[in-house]
Amino acid sequence: MSDSGDGNSAYGRKSFRRSRSHFTDRITADGRDGWPVRAGRYRLVVSRACPWASRAVISRRLLGLEDALPMAVADPVQDDRSWRFTLDPGGRDPVLGIRFLGEAYARRETDPPGGVSVPAVVDVPSGKLVTNDYQRLTLDLATEWTALHRKGAPRLYPEDLRDEIDKVAADVFEDVNNGVYRAGFATGQEEYEAACAAVFRRLELLAARLERQRYLVGDTVTEADIRLFTTLVRFDAVYHGHFKCNLWKLAENPVLWAYARDLFQTPGFGDTVDFDHIKRHYYQVHTGINPTRVVPLGPDPSGWLTPHHREKLGGSPFGDGTPPGPVPAGEKVPAAGRP
């Protein structure tokens, strides 16, 4: 696991870079990579702290795949042996029987490049890692797992909007999702200033887009919104201070703050967010940035529940579909992590 703490990444004296996922097998309806979609065969391993893993958590919930793709939640504070299952009784995942996610990686390949990252999908019968391709995973959940979607599930990656979603998502990834990391792990002033400026330049462009429409692409929630949300929901809690992306807070931008609250209050988004896990992970794992490992008390998360009034722009989160049902009892975010 790299020092960046989530995803596949590396940083050095000159610049931060994010590695491509090493295990890119796909779980598909026709099983062309050897991994067919099967209810209950696979286990999704996530950290609620990680924005890349949170994409999969949100997508899975919106699509109603909780029973078809069971989930394991790792401790937000990992050690040099990788993500730990210390939140489970006995410190072992109750299904996979392992203490560290690295054990599933090792059954697939010893010392894989990019380290041990989340999200990861593990084949339960063999205990082997299937994929850690965070960029592709949610797209496949939306398009390859359709036979197992709940009734009324949203179309998160509709064919007629894919080109636009891909373009928006690419810009968001480069300047925002990954941009905050380039700023946070910069070791030179010029490198930091360039990355930080790019983050806020893109956020301003996104705000201008969202001033006139409720969602990034089309009039319902799509993959593009999921990918932006996972960075926005962490922005004031960790990226503003910890990663020095502090030209302004999310709560100081009326459009983006309202947009983020709209999504947070949509079933499937905010009910997957654990602010306690998020803050403890970033402030306690990134010791190169925060050597004291002190976790700040703020910001107060109660603002996430205030009215957003975005419904005035039209659109509906699920279109002709329906919201997901209640969060399964075993997957509810503890009170310490909720507003």
Protein backbone atom coordinates (compact mmCIF):
# COMPACT_ATOMS: atom_id res chain seq x y z
CA MET A 1 0.00 0.00 0.00
CA SER A 2 1.43 3.35 -0.96
CA ASP A 3 1.75 6.28 1.41
CA SER A 4 -1.03 8.11 -0.36
CA GLY A 5 -3.41 5.87 1.52
CA ASP A 6 -5.98 4.97 -1.12
CA GLY A 7 -6.12 3.96 -4.75
CA ASN A 8 -2.95 3.04 -6.64
CA SER A 9 -0.45 5.81 -6.31
CA ALA A 10 3.08 6.92 -5.70
CA TYR A 11 4.79 10.15 -4.92
CA GLY A 12 8.35 11.25 -4.81
CA ARG A 13 10.57 14.27 -4.67
CA LYS A 14 9.29 15.85 -7.86
CA SER A 15 5.64 14.94 -8.37
CA PHE A 16 2.73 12.74 -7.40
CA ARG A 17 1.47 10.19 -9.87
CA ARG A 18 -1.34 7.67 -9.71
CA SER A 19 -0.56 4.22 -11.04
CA ARG A 20 -2.90 2.36 -13.32
CA SER A 21 -4.75 -0.55 -11.74
CA HIS A 22 -2.73 -3.72 -12.22
CA PHE A 23 -5.59 -6.21 -12.05
CA THR A 24 -8.01 -5.21 -14.79
CA ASP A 25 -10.03 -8.39 -15.24
CA ARG A 26 -13.71 -7.63 -15.69
CA ILE A 27 -16.73 -9.36 -14.21
CA THR A 28 -19.16 -9.49 -17.10
CA ALA A 29 -22.52 -10.96 -18.03
CA ASP A 30 -20.88 -13.31 -20.56
CA GLY A 31 -17.86 -14.11 -18.38
CA ARG A 32 -15.39 -13.39 -21.18
CA ASP A 33 -12.53 -12.75 -18.73
CA GLY A 34 -13.35 -15.90 -16.81
CA TRP A 35 -15.39 -14.06 -14.21
CA PRO A 36 -19.14 -14.28 -14.95
CA VAL A 37 -21.65 -12.19 -13.03
CA ARG A 38 -23.05 -14.45 -10.30
CA ALA A 39 -25.00 -13.41 -7.23
CA GLY A 40 -22.99 -14.09 -4.09
CA ARG A 41 -19.83 -15.31 -5.80
CA TYR A 42 -17.77 -12.16 -5.21
CA ARG A 43 -17.00 -9.90 -2.26
CA LEU A 44 -16.45 -6.17 -2.62
CA VAL A 45 -13.77 -4.92 -0.23
CA VAL A 46 -13.82 -1.21 0.50
CA SER A 47 -12.75 1.48 2.88
CA ARG A 48 -15.35 4.15 3.57
CA ALA A 49 -12.43 6.57 3.81
CA CYS A 50 -11.29 6.07 0.23
CA PRO A 51 -12.98 8.16 -2.49
CA TRP A 52 -12.27 5.56 -5.17
CA ALA A 53 -13.87 2.81 -3.09
CA SER A 54 -16.78 5.08 -2.20
CA ARG A 55 -17.71 5.23 -5.87
CA ALA A 56 -18.35 1.49 -5.78
CA VAL A 57 -20.23 1.68 -2.47
CA ILE A 58 -22.61 4.32 -3.85
CA SER A 59 -23.12 2.60 -7.20
CA ARG A 60 -23.78 -0.76 -5.54
CA ARG A 61 -26.40 0.79 -3.25
CA LEU A 62 -28.14 2.84 -5.97
CA LEU A 63 -28.40 -0.27 -8.16
CA GLY A 64 -29.62 -2.50 -5.34
CA LEU A 65 -26.74 -4.96 -5.51
CA GLU A 66 -26.29 -5.36 -1.75
CA ASP A 67 -27.37 -9.02 -1.73
CA ALA A 68 -25.77 -9.92 -5.06
CA LEU A 69 -22.39 -8.38 -4.18
CA PRO A 70 -21.76 -8.56 -0.42
CA MET A 71 -19.38 -5.96 1.00
CA ALA A 72 -16.50 -5.99 3.48
CA VAL A 73 -15.49 -2.71 5.13
CA ALA A 74 -11.84 -2.37 6.13
CA ASP A 75 -10.45 -0.39 9.02
CA PRO A 76 -9.78 3.18 7.85
CA VAL A 77 -6.31 3.10 9.40
CA GLN A 78 -4.21 0.47 7.66
CA ASP A 79 -0.67 -0.58 8.48
CA ASP A 80 2.29 -1.67 6.36
CA ARG A 81 0.63 -5.06 5.83
CA SER A 82 -2.27 -3.41 3.95
CA TRP A 83 -5.94 -2.81 4.68
CA ARG A 84 -7.04 -4.61 7.85
CA PHE A 85 -10.29 -6.32 8.84
CA THR A 86 -10.03 -5.19 12.44
CA LEU A 87 -13.63 -3.96 12.42
CA ASP A 88 -14.78 -7.59 12.27
CA PRO A 89 -14.87 -10.02 15.22
CA GLY A 90 -11.48 -11.62 15.68
CA GLY A 91 -9.94 -9.23 13.17
CA ARG A 92 -10.86 -11.44 10.22
CA ASP A 93 -13.30 -10.98 7.39
CA PRO A 94 -16.10 -13.42 8.25
CA VAL A 95 -16.48 -14.62 4.64
CA LEU A 96 -12.93 -14.62 3.29
CA GLY A 97 -11.34 -15.61 6.58
CA ILE A 98 -8.40 -13.28 6.10
CA ARG A 99 -6.93 -10.59 8.34
CA PHE A 100 -5.51 -8.38 5.57
CA LEU A 101 -6.67 -7.63 2.05
CA GLY A 102 -3.09 -8.29 0.95
CA GLU A 103 -3.72 -11.99 1.51
CA ALA A 104 -6.26 -12.03 -1.35
CA TYR A 105 -3.78 -10.16 -3.55
CA ALA A 106 -1.04 -12.68 -2.71
CA ARG A 107 -3.24 -15.56 -3.79
CA ARG A 108 -3.42 -13.92 -7.20
CA GLU A 109 0.13 -12.56 -7.51
CA THR A 110 3.06 -12.00 -5.18
CA ASP A 111 4.19 -8.39 -4.71
CA PRO A 112 1.95 -6.85 -7.39
CA PRO A 113 2.91 -3.40 -8.69
CA GLY A 114 0.84 -0.59 -7.23
CA GLY A 115 0.48 -2.25 -3.86
CA VAL A 116 -2.77 -3.30 -2.19
CA SER A 117 -5.61 -0.93 -2.98
CA VAL A 118 -9.35 -0.57 -2.57
CA PRO A 119 -11.88 -1.04 -3.99
CA ALA A 120 -11.09 -4.67 -4.64
CA VAL A 121 -13.33 -7.52 -5.72
CA VAL A 122 -12.39 -10.96 -4.41
CA ASP A 123 -13.60 -14.32 -5.72
CA VAL A 124 -15.05 -16.02 -2.64
CA PRO A 125 -14.55 -19.69 -3.69
CA SER A 126 -10.83 -19.26 -4.42
CA GLY A 127 -10.08 -16.31 -2.15
CA LYS A 128 -8.22 -14.63 -5.01
CA LEU A 129 -8.39 -11.01 -6.05
CA VAL A 130 -10.35 -10.51 -9.26
CA THR A 131 -9.95 -6.79 -9.95
CA ASN A 132 -8.83 -3.53 -8.39
CA ASP A 133 -9.73 -1.47 -11.46
CA TYR A 134 -11.58 1.36 -9.72
CA GLN A 135 -12.12 3.24 -12.99
CA ARG A 136 -13.93 0.35 -14.69
CA LEU A 137 -15.65 -1.30 -11.73
CA THR A 138 -18.60 1.05 -11.36
CA LEU A 139 -19.19 1.15 -15.11
CA ASP A 140 -19.48 -2.62 -15.12
CA LEU A 141 -21.80 -2.59 -12.12
CA ALA A 142 -24.07 -0.30 -14.13
CA THR A 143 -23.89 -2.19 -17.44
CA GLU A 144 -22.87 -5.82 -16.86
CA TRP A 145 -24.79 -6.56 -13.66
CA THR A 146 -28.17 -5.39 -15.01
CA ALA A 147 -29.84 -8.79 -14.53
CA LEU A 148 -29.31 -8.38 -10.79
CA HIS A 149 -30.29 -4.71 -10.48
CA ARG A 150 -33.21 -3.87 -8.24
CA LYS A 151 -36.51 -2.91 -9.81
CA GLY A 152 -36.49 0.84 -10.42
CA ALA A 153 -32.69 1.11 -10.44
CA PRO A 154 -31.35 4.27 -12.12
CA ARG A 155 -29.47 4.27 -15.41
CA LEU A 156 -26.11 5.45 -14.18
CA TYR A 157 -24.29 5.07 -17.50
CA PRO A 158 -26.95 5.36 -20.24
CA GLU A 159 -25.72 4.69 -23.77
CA ASP A 160 -26.99 7.97 -25.21
CA LEU A 161 -25.03 10.00 -22.65
CA ARG A 162 -21.82 7.98 -22.37
CA ASP A 163 -19.64 10.23 -24.52
CA GLU A 164 -20.60 13.27 -22.45
CA ILE A 165 -20.27 11.41 -19.15
CA ASP A 166 -16.82 10.17 -20.17
CA LYS A 167 -15.68 13.68 -21.11
CA VAL A 168 -16.93 15.27 -17.90
CA ALA A 169 -15.56 12.42 -15.79
CA ALA A 170 -12.13 12.68 -17.44
CA ASP A 171 -11.88 16.38 -16.62
CA VAL A 172 -13.09 15.77 -13.07
CA PHE A 173 -10.56 12.98 -12.58
CA GLU A 174 -7.59 14.94 -13.90
CA ASP A 175 -8.16 18.22 -12.09
CA VAL A 176 -10.33 17.36 -9.08
CA ASN A 177 -10.30 13.69 -8.03
CA ASN A 178 -6.58 13.33 -8.65
CA GLY A 179 -5.78 17.03 -8.50
CA VAL A 180 -6.28 17.27 -4.75
CA TYR A 181 -3.69 14.51 -4.33
CA ARG A 182 -1.20 16.26 -6.58
CA ALA A 183 -1.60 19.36 -4.43
CA GLY A 184 -1.51 17.48 -1.13
CA PHE A 185 1.57 15.43 -1.89
CA ALA A 186 3.50 18.16 -3.70
CA THR A 187 7.02 18.63 -2.38
CA GLY A 188 7.77 21.84 -4.24
CA GLN A 189 6.06 25.23 -4.21
CA GLU A 190 5.58 25.50 -7.96
CA GLU A 191 4.24 21.96 -8.20
CA TYR A 192 1.77 22.62 -5.38
CA GLU A 193 0.59 25.95 -6.75
CA ALA A 194 -0.02 24.52 -10.23
CA ALA A 195 -2.02 21.59 -8.87
CA CYS A 196 -4.01 23.69 -6.43
CA ALA A 197 -4.83 26.29 -9.08
CA ALA A 198 -6.02 23.53 -11.43
CA VAL A 199 -8.33 22.13 -8.76
CA PHE A 200 -10.09 25.44 -8.23
CA ARG A 201 -10.13 26.37 -11.90
CA ARG A 202 -12.01 23.14 -12.64
CA LEU A 203 -14.32 23.61 -9.65
CA GLU A 204 -15.25 27.07 -10.95
CA LEU A 205 -16.05 25.60 -14.37
CA LEU A 206 -18.17 22.89 -12.77
CA ALA A 207 -19.99 25.47 -10.67
CA ALA A 208 -20.83 27.44 -13.82
CA ARG A 209 -22.20 24.27 -15.41
CA LEU A 210 -24.23 23.32 -12.34
CA GLU A 211 -25.66 26.79 -11.88
CA ARG A 212 -28.09 26.06 -14.71
CA GLN A 213 -28.67 22.31 -14.32
CA ARG A 214 -29.24 20.04 -11.36
CA TYR A 215 -26.89 17.23 -12.42
CA LEU A 216 -23.67 17.11 -14.41
CA VAL A 217 -25.06 15.20 -17.40
CA GLY A 218 -28.75 14.90 -18.25
CA ASP A 219 -31.54 15.38 -15.74
CA THR A 220 -30.85 12.42 -13.46
CA VAL A 221 -27.97 11.11 -11.37
CA THR A 222 -25.24 9.45 -13.45
CA GLU A 223 -21.75 8.07 -13.04
CA ALA A 224 -20.40 11.60 -13.49
CA ASP A 225 -22.15 12.82 -10.33
CA ILE A 226 -20.89 9.87 -8.30
CA ARG A 227 -17.30 10.59 -9.31
CA LEU A 228 -17.46 14.27 -8.42
CA PHE A 229 -19.40 13.72 -5.19
CA THR A 230 -16.78 11.48 -3.59
CA THR A 231 -14.24 14.30 -3.75
CA LEU A 232 -16.65 17.08 -2.79
CA VAL A 233 -17.87 15.27 0.32
CA ARG A 234 -14.26 15.05 1.55
CA PHE A 235 -13.28 18.55 0.53
CA ASP A 236 -13.80 20.62 3.67
CA ALA A 237 -13.12 17.70 6.02
CA VAL A 238 -9.69 16.81 4.66
CA TYR A 239 -8.65 18.32 1.33
CA HIS A 240 -9.04 21.96 2.37
CA GLY A 241 -6.68 21.70 5.32
CA HIS A 242 -4.76 18.44 5.05
CA PHE A 243 -4.06 18.76 1.30
CA LYS A 244 -3.79 22.58 1.38
CA CYS A 245 -6.58 23.06 -1.20
CA ASN A 246 -7.65 26.14 0.67
CA LEU A 247 -8.43 28.96 -1.75
CA TRP A 248 -11.99 28.53 -0.52
CA LYS A 249 -14.11 25.92 1.22
CA LEU A 250 -16.82 23.96 -0.52
CA ALA A 251 -19.30 25.54 1.90
CA GLU A 252 -18.24 28.95 0.58
CA ASN A 253 -19.27 28.17 -3.00
CA PRO A 254 -23.07 28.50 -3.15
CA VAL A 255 -23.56 26.37 -6.26
CA LEU A 256 -21.24 23.46 -5.47
CA TRP A 257 -22.26 23.41 -1.82
CA ALA A 258 -25.94 23.17 -2.75
CA TYR A 259 -25.20 20.54 -5.41
CA ALA A 260 -23.18 18.43 -2.97
CA ARG A 261 -25.90 18.69 -0.30
CA ASP A 262 -28.52 17.68 -2.86
CA LEU A 263 -26.60 14.50 -3.60
CA PHE A 264 -25.76 13.86 0.05
CA GLN A 265 -29.47 13.95 0.90
CA THR A 266 -30.30 11.58 -1.96
CA PRO A 267 -30.65 7.97 -0.74
CA GLY A 268 -27.55 6.03 -1.72
CA PHE A 269 -25.12 8.92 -1.33
CA GLY A 270 -24.98 10.44 2.15
CA ASP A 271 -26.06 7.24 3.86
CA THR A 272 -22.79 5.64 2.71
CA VAL A 273 -20.52 8.44 4.01
CA ASP A 274 -18.54 8.01 7.23
CA PHE A 275 -16.85 11.28 8.20
CA ASP A 276 -15.12 9.60 11.14
CA HIS A 277 -13.44 7.05 8.86
CA ILE A 278 -12.54 9.75 6.35
CA LYS A 279 -10.83 12.03 8.85
CA ARG A 280 -9.04 9.30 10.78
CA HIS A 281 -7.66 7.76 7.60
CA TYR A 282 -6.23 10.89 6.05
CA TYR A 283 -4.87 12.47 9.22
CA GLN A 284 -3.48 9.27 10.77
CA VAL A 285 -2.16 7.42 7.70
CA HIS A 286 -0.50 10.29 5.82
CA THR A 287 2.27 10.79 8.35
CA GLY A 288 4.48 12.49 5.78
CA ILE A 289 1.95 15.34 5.76
CA ASN A 290 0.66 15.08 9.34
CA PRO A 291 3.42 13.51 11.46
CA THR A 292 1.56 14.12 14.75
CA ARG A 293 -1.43 12.06 13.52
CA VAL A 294 -3.73 14.49 15.35
CA VAL A 295 -7.26 14.41 13.92
CA PRO A 296 -9.09 17.78 13.88
CA LEU A 297 -12.45 18.13 15.59
CA GLY A 298 -14.11 20.04 12.76
CA PRO A 299 -15.71 20.88 10.52
CA ASP A 300 -19.24 20.49 11.85
CA PRO A 301 -20.99 18.11 9.40
CA SER A 302 -24.53 19.15 10.32
CA GLY A 303 -24.65 21.57 7.38
CA TRP A 304 -24.91 18.62 5.02
CA LEU A 305 -28.53 18.20 6.11
CA THR A 306 -29.67 21.77 5.47
CA PRO A 307 -32.08 22.57 2.58
CA HIS A 308 -30.44 22.89 -0.84
CA HIS A 309 -33.35 24.03 -3.08
CA ARG A 310 -31.78 22.39 -6.14
CA GLU A 311 -35.10 20.80 -7.08
CA LYS A 312 -36.04 24.19 -8.57
CA LEU A 313 -33.70 23.41 -11.48
CA GLY A 314 -35.86 20.46 -12.51
CA GLY A 315 -34.74 16.92 -13.02
CA SER A 316 -35.11 14.03 -10.62
CA PRO A 317 -32.36 11.86 -9.12
CA PHE A 318 -33.82 8.57 -10.33
CA GLY A 319 -35.85 9.67 -13.34
CA ASP A 320 -38.62 7.15 -13.88
CA GLY A 321 -37.04 4.85 -11.32
CA THR A 322 -37.21 4.75 -7.54
CA PRO A 323 -34.83 5.40 -4.66
CA PRO A 324 -33.08 2.46 -3.00
CA GLY A 325 -34.63 0.98 0.10
CA PRO A 326 -33.32 1.30 3.64
CA VAL A 327 -29.65 0.66 4.29
CA PRO A 328 -29.15 -2.98 5.31
CA ALA A 329 -28.73 -3.25 9.07
CA GLY A 330 -25.16 -4.50 8.86
CA GLU A 331 -24.09 -1.66 6.58
CA LYS A 332 -25.34 1.38 8.46
CA VAL A 333 -22.71 4.04 9.12
CA PRO A 334 -22.09 4.33 12.90
CA ALA A 335 -23.39 7.45 14.62
CA ALA A 336 -19.83 8.80 15.05
CA GLY A 337 -19.50 9.12 11.27
CA ARG A 338 -22.86 10.75 10.50
CA PRO A 339 -23.99 14.41 10.67
